[in-house]
Amino acid sequence: MQDSNHDIPQRVIHIEDLSRQKTVEHNDLVTSVAKMDKVPMKFFELAVSCLDTGNAPMNNTVFLSKKTLFSFFKADDNDKHSRFKKALTTLHRQSIFEVREVNEKGKLNFKIISPISSSEWNDYNDIVAIKFTDDIMPYLMDLKRNFTQYLITDIMELNSKYSIVLYKWFSMNYNQYETYKDTIKRTKIQINQMKNPYIEMQELRRITNTVNEYERIFDFEKNILKLALEEINKHTHFIITYDKIKKGRSIVGIQFYIGKKTVKSPLPYKENDLESIKSKAQKEQEEQNLFNKAVQNKYTTLLGENLLVGFRDMQDVSKMANLQKQVYPLYDDLKKLRGINGVKEHIKYVANHKIGAEKQMKNIVRYLKRSVEQYLQIVKLQDVD
């Protein structure tokens, strides 16, 4: 690194920045075969998180501090500098991505890509410069569609390369689910498949680079699947469970079920964080839209006529939005089974039996939801009989 670059104008990533850093990659890279060990893989992911996807870095180079690297890998021993150099050397010499793409004719194209072209540092400052290859950049920058983003702090806690590979694959599917769940651009079946993705064993072995390893499903499950999911469930914002899918006596695939914990935030929430403000504004707008629909909904009129909601309730944006989101879809289900008169009769019944349930009715949304859920179970059993 040149002396003239001692005061580098580009942004240098420090450890306190990591809670806000997201890694963004094209889905073809997420589903590629990463032929590298855990430490080089985490090095690469950390370097990618330093990119600003809207602004290509000069010379494909990002800058981060040595302290960030050592903290990221929890390295505090006397040998950390030599291990840092060894990991970077391995990343340069032995690490590749085998990328598989579908071309315009629906045929598969295959690429082998080296991710990093050079790394520079010196003894008199804290900065490390990592330069990406030209071939990897299209998978990291100017991503308008088919990309996945995830928290680099989740990756930091994972200690197996299989955990990292599967975490990225889960993130890809769950990102798609969150993108389309409130739209009409995908069917309910497609949205459910994004949240609960199925993968064939052959494809699972390909992305984990275990085609010729752990050939017995018992060994694969024990050494790859269970250990990876244990780490992911413990250290990331996902909760993953799965079922093995059989065809005859053979396991042909894995059905995963993705749940989500509260997003991890190692540093205190900042009110002036642009992304947080944007997210909060979007939620408020969504709530307002639900409130507007609820006020005009015929079910609100029925509840008002039966004194289950009052004037003050109708001025409560959060309460009305939750009625629209949680209760009214269930009334729609009841309407399909018993017609609008069936809904009216149910609401009238709930109103006539509210005496003695004052405590439960303090949360009117939960009370109405539970009531109609219980009644729907009875109606469906009657229809079966």
Foldseek 3Di string as FASTA:
>chain_A
DDPVCPPPPDDADEQVCQLVFKAKFFLLQLLWAKFAWLLLVLVLSVQLSQDDQADQDVQQKGKYFQNNVCVLQVNDDPCVVVVVVVSVVCLQPPIWTWGWDQDPVRDIDTDIGRFWDDWDDDDPGGMIMTHTDPVRVVGRHPDPDRMFMDRSQLSSQDDGPLLVSVVSVLRSLVVVLVVPVPHPPDDPVSSQCSQWPKDWPCSSCRRPVQNPHPPDVVSCCVPRVPVSQVSSCVRFQWRKDWDFDDDVNDGTIITMHIDGHPGDRPDDDDPPDPVVVVVVVVVVVLLQVLLVCLLVDVVVVLCVVLVLDDPVQNVDSNLSSLCSVQPVVLLVVQCVLPNPVSSSVLSNVCSVPCVVVVVVSVSVSVVNNVSSVVVVVVSVVVVVD
